Amino acid sequence: MRYFAVFLPMRDEEKSRVYRPDHLTYLQQKLEAGNVFAKGPFVDGTGGLVIYKAESFEQVELMVKQDPYVAYDARGYEIHEWAMSQE
């Protein structure tokens, strides 16, 4: 399993408020399915971060595009494969 850091920069604060419950439900489903390692908003209000677990970049991108925040253009996204350090 590989890890991917997904940045979700703010695009529309109003849409983010509207779709927040759907976004949180979606992430909870992915967490229960074993596809989310960590998640949370940035304290400065500029967006958030989700670290997904998946087999491929394409699998993560599909999950990200299904997130209501992204699907309804409340947030953008940027995906980077992440190598977790044990040091």
N, C-alpha and C. Protein backbone atom coordinates (compact mmCIF):
# COMPACT_ATOMS: atom_id res chain seq x y z
N MET A 1 0.85 -1.18 0.00
CA MET A 1 0.00 0.00 0.00
C MET A 1 0.89 1.24 0.00
N ARG A 2 0.54 2.20 -0.81
CA ARG A 2 1.29 3.45 -0.92
C ARG A 2 0.49 4.58 -0.27
N TYR A 3 1.20 5.62 0.14
CA TYR A 3 0.58 6.78 0.77
C TYR A 3 0.62 7.97 -0.17
N PHE A 4 -0.45 8.77 -0.16
CA PHE A 4 -0.55 9.95 -1.01
C PHE A 4 -1.09 11.12 -0.19
N ALA A 5 -0.32 12.20 -0.16
CA ALA A 5 -0.77 13.42 0.52
C ALA A 5 -1.58 14.24 -0.49
N VAL A 6 -2.80 14.57 -0.08
CA VAL A 6 -3.69 15.32 -0.96
C VAL A 6 -4.01 16.65 -0.29
N PHE A 7 -3.54 17.72 -0.91
CA PHE A 7 -3.84 19.07 -0.45
C PHE A 7 -5.15 19.51 -1.09
N LEU A 8 -6.03 20.08 -0.29
CA LEU A 8 -7.34 20.54 -0.75
C LEU A 8 -7.45 22.04 -0.51
N PRO A 9 -6.83 22.85 -1.37
CA PRO A 9 -6.87 24.30 -1.17
C PRO A 9 -8.28 24.87 -1.36
N MET A 10 -8.60 25.86 -0.55
CA MET A 10 -9.90 26.53 -0.58
C MET A 10 -10.12 27.21 -1.92
N ARG A 11 -11.28 26.98 -2.50
CA ARG A 11 -11.69 27.70 -3.71
C ARG A 11 -12.90 28.58 -3.42
N ASP A 12 -13.83 28.04 -2.60
CA ASP A 12 -15.08 28.75 -2.35
C ASP A 12 -15.51 28.45 -0.91
N GLU A 13 -15.39 29.44 -0.03
CA GLU A 13 -15.70 29.23 1.39
C GLU A 13 -17.16 28.88 1.61
N GLU A 14 -18.07 29.50 0.89
CA GLU A 14 -19.50 29.20 1.06
C GLU A 14 -19.80 27.76 0.66
N LYS A 15 -19.29 27.33 -0.48
CA LYS A 15 -19.49 25.94 -0.90
C LYS A 15 -18.86 24.98 0.11
N SER A 16 -17.72 25.36 0.66
CA SER A 16 -17.08 24.51 1.67
C SER A 16 -17.96 24.33 2.89
N ARG A 17 -18.64 25.40 3.31
CA ARG A 17 -19.56 25.29 4.45
C ARG A 17 -20.74 24.39 4.09
N VAL A 18 -21.28 24.56 2.90
CA VAL A 18 -22.45 23.79 2.46
C VAL A 18 -22.12 22.30 2.35
N TYR A 19 -20.97 21.97 1.77
CA TYR A 19 -20.63 20.57 1.50
C TYR A 19 -19.78 19.91 2.59
N ARG A 20 -19.50 20.63 3.68
CA ARG A 20 -18.69 20.05 4.76
C ARG A 20 -19.28 18.76 5.32
N PRO A 21 -20.58 18.69 5.64
CA PRO A 21 -21.11 17.42 6.16
C PRO A 21 -20.94 16.26 5.18
N ASP A 22 -21.17 16.50 3.91
CA ASP A 22 -21.00 15.45 2.89
C ASP A 22 -19.53 15.04 2.77
N HIS A 23 -18.64 16.02 2.82
CA HIS A 23 -17.20 15.74 2.77
C HIS A 23 -16.78 14.87 3.96
N LEU A 24 -17.23 15.23 5.16
CA LEU A 24 -16.86 14.46 6.35
C LEU A 24 -17.42 13.04 6.30
N THR A 25 -18.65 12.89 5.82
CA THR A 25 -19.24 11.56 5.67
C THR A 25 -18.43 10.73 4.68
N TYR A 26 -18.07 11.35 3.57
CA TYR A 26 -17.28 10.67 2.54
C TYR A 26 -15.94 10.19 3.11
N LEU A 27 -15.25 11.08 3.83
CA LEU A 27 -13.95 10.70 4.40
C LEU A 27 -14.10 9.61 5.45
N GLN A 28 -15.18 9.64 6.22
CA GLN A 28 -15.41 8.58 7.21
C GLN A 28 -15.58 7.24 6.52
N GLN A 29 -16.29 7.22 5.41
CA GLN A 29 -16.45 5.98 4.64
C GLN A 29 -15.11 5.48 4.14
N LYS A 30 -14.28 6.37 3.64
CA LYS A 30 -12.95 5.99 3.15
C LYS A 30 -12.05 5.54 4.31
N LEU A 31 -12.20 6.16 5.47
CA LEU A 31 -11.44 5.75 6.65
C LEU A 31 -11.83 4.33 7.05
N GLU A 32 -13.11 4.06 7.11
CA GLU A 32 -13.60 2.72 7.47
C GLU A 32 -13.19 1.66 6.46
N ALA A 33 -13.03 2.07 5.19
CA ALA A 33 -12.61 1.15 4.14
C ALA A 33 -11.09 0.95 4.13
N GLY A 34 -10.38 1.70 4.99
CA GLY A 34 -8.93 1.57 5.07
C GLY A 34 -8.15 2.42 4.09
N ASN A 35 -8.80 3.42 3.49
CA ASN A 35 -8.14 4.25 2.49
C ASN A 35 -7.68 5.61 3.00
N VAL A 36 -7.93 5.94 4.26
CA VAL A 36 -7.48 7.22 4.81
C VAL A 36 -6.58 6.94 6.01
N PHE A 37 -5.38 7.52 5.96
CA PHE A 37 -4.41 7.40 7.04
C PHE A 37 -4.55 8.55 8.04
N ALA A 38 -4.76 9.77 7.52
CA ALA A 38 -4.89 10.96 8.36
C ALA A 38 -5.65 12.02 7.58
N LYS A 39 -6.26 12.96 8.32
CA LYS A 39 -7.04 14.01 7.67
C LYS A 39 -7.21 15.18 8.61
N GLY A 40 -7.44 16.37 8.04
CA GLY A 40 -7.72 17.52 8.87
C GLY A 40 -7.56 18.83 8.13
N PRO A 41 -8.21 19.88 8.67
CA PRO A 41 -8.13 21.21 8.06
C PRO A 41 -6.85 21.93 8.49
N PHE A 42 -6.44 22.89 7.68
CA PHE A 42 -5.37 23.79 8.07
C PHE A 42 -5.98 24.85 9.00
N VAL A 43 -5.30 25.17 10.08
CA VAL A 43 -5.85 26.09 11.07
C VAL A 43 -6.00 27.52 10.54
N ASP A 44 -5.31 27.84 9.45
CA ASP A 44 -5.43 29.20 8.90
C ASP A 44 -6.61 29.34 7.93
N GLY A 45 -7.39 28.25 7.72
CA GLY A 45 -8.58 28.33 6.89
C GLY A 45 -8.33 28.24 5.39
N THR A 46 -7.11 27.90 4.99
CA THR A 46 -6.79 27.88 3.56
C THR A 46 -7.11 26.56 2.88
N GLY A 47 -7.59 25.58 3.63
CA GLY A 47 -7.91 24.28 3.04
C GLY A 47 -7.63 23.17 4.02
N GLY A 48 -7.25 22.02 3.49
CA GLY A 48 -6.98 20.88 4.35
C GLY A 48 -6.09 19.86 3.67
N LEU A 49 -5.83 18.77 4.39
CA LEU A 49 -4.95 17.70 3.94
C LEU A 49 -5.58 16.36 4.26
N VAL A 50 -5.53 15.45 3.30
CA VAL A 50 -5.92 14.06 3.53
C VAL A 50 -4.76 13.20 3.06
N ILE A 51 -4.35 12.25 3.88
CA ILE A 51 -3.35 11.28 3.45
C ILE A 51 -4.09 9.97 3.19
N TYR A 52 -4.15 9.63 1.90
CA TYR A 52 -4.83 8.42 1.46
C TYR A 52 -3.85 7.26 1.38
N LYS A 53 -4.38 6.05 1.52
CA LYS A 53 -3.64 4.82 1.28
C LYS A 53 -4.27 4.15 0.08
N ALA A 54 -3.44 3.80 -0.91
CA ALA A 54 -3.98 3.19 -2.12
C ALA A 54 -2.86 2.48 -2.87
N GLU A 55 -3.25 1.75 -3.89
CA GLU A 55 -2.29 1.01 -4.72
C GLU A 55 -1.67 1.89 -5.80
N SER A 56 -2.38 2.95 -6.22
CA SER A 56 -1.88 3.75 -7.34
C SER A 56 -2.35 5.20 -7.26
N PHE A 57 -1.65 6.06 -7.98
CA PHE A 57 -2.04 7.46 -8.11
C PHE A 57 -3.44 7.55 -8.68
N GLU A 58 -3.72 6.74 -9.70
CA GLU A 58 -5.02 6.79 -10.37
C GLU A 58 -6.16 6.44 -9.41
N GLN A 59 -5.94 5.48 -8.54
CA GLN A 59 -6.95 5.11 -7.55
C GLN A 59 -7.23 6.28 -6.60
N VAL A 60 -6.18 6.95 -6.17
CA VAL A 60 -6.35 8.10 -5.28
C VAL A 60 -7.07 9.23 -6.00
N GLU A 61 -6.66 9.51 -7.23
CA GLU A 61 -7.29 10.60 -7.97
C GLU A 61 -8.78 10.35 -8.15
N LEU A 62 -9.17 9.12 -8.40
CA LEU A 62 -10.59 8.79 -8.51
C LEU A 62 -11.32 9.08 -7.20
N MET A 63 -10.72 8.67 -6.07
CA MET A 63 -11.34 8.94 -4.77
C MET A 63 -11.44 10.43 -4.51
N VAL A 64 -10.38 11.17 -4.83
CA VAL A 64 -10.38 12.62 -4.60
C VAL A 64 -11.47 13.30 -5.43
N LYS A 65 -11.62 12.90 -6.67
CA LYS A 65 -12.63 13.51 -7.54
C LYS A 65 -14.05 13.20 -7.09
N GLN A 66 -14.23 12.14 -6.29
CA GLN A 66 -15.55 11.80 -5.76
C GLN A 66 -15.85 12.50 -4.45
N ASP A 67 -14.85 13.12 -3.83
CA ASP A 67 -15.05 13.88 -2.60
C ASP A 67 -15.97 15.07 -2.93
N PRO A 68 -17.06 15.26 -2.19
CA PRO A 68 -17.97 16.38 -2.48
C PRO A 68 -17.29 17.74 -2.56
N TYR A 69 -16.27 17.97 -1.75
CA TYR A 69 -15.55 19.24 -1.83
C TYR A 69 -15.00 19.48 -3.24
N VAL A 70 -14.44 18.45 -3.83
CA VAL A 70 -13.84 18.56 -5.16
C VAL A 70 -14.92 18.49 -6.23
N ALA A 71 -15.85 17.55 -6.07
CA ALA A 71 -16.91 17.36 -7.07
C ALA A 71 -17.74 18.62 -7.28
N TYR A 72 -17.94 19.40 -6.21
CA TYR A 72 -18.75 20.63 -6.29
C TYR A 72 -17.90 21.90 -6.32
N ASP A 73 -16.61 21.74 -6.59
CA ASP A 73 -15.69 22.85 -6.80
C ASP A 73 -15.55 23.78 -5.59
N ALA A 74 -15.71 23.22 -4.39
CA ALA A 74 -15.45 24.01 -3.18
C ALA A 74 -13.94 24.06 -2.90
N ARG A 75 -13.25 23.01 -3.33
CA ARG A 75 -11.81 22.90 -3.11
C ARG A 75 -11.12 22.41 -4.38
N GLY A 76 -9.89 22.82 -4.54
CA GLY A 76 -9.05 22.24 -5.57
C GLY A 76 -8.36 21.02 -4.98
N TYR A 77 -7.45 20.44 -5.73
CA TYR A 77 -6.67 19.34 -5.15
C TYR A 77 -5.30 19.24 -5.81
N GLU A 78 -4.38 18.72 -5.02
CA GLU A 78 -3.01 18.48 -5.46
C GLU A 78 -2.56 17.19 -4.79
N ILE A 79 -2.12 16.22 -5.58
CA ILE A 79 -1.77 14.90 -5.06
C ILE A 79 -0.26 14.69 -5.18
N HIS A 80 0.33 14.21 -4.06
CA HIS A 80 1.76 13.88 -4.05
C HIS A 80 1.94 12.54 -3.35
N GLU A 81 2.67 11.62 -3.98
CA GLU A 81 2.99 10.38 -3.27
C GLU A 81 3.90 10.75 -2.11
N TRP A 82 3.67 10.09 -0.97
CA TRP A 82 4.36 10.44 0.27
C TRP A 82 5.09 9.21 0.80
N ALA A 83 6.36 9.36 1.11
CA ALA A 83 7.15 8.29 1.73
C ALA A 83 7.26 8.59 3.21
N MET A 84 6.52 7.85 4.01
CA MET A 84 6.53 8.08 5.45
C MET A 84 7.88 7.67 6.03
N SER A 85 8.52 8.57 6.73
CA SER A 85 9.82 8.32 7.33
C SER A 85 9.65 7.68 8.69
N GLN A 86 10.48 6.72 8.98
CA GLN A 86 10.46 6.04 10.28
C GLN A 86 11.51 6.61 11.23
N GLU A 87 12.20 7.66 10.80
CA GLU A 87 13.27 8.25 11.61
C GLU A 87 12.72 9.17 12.65
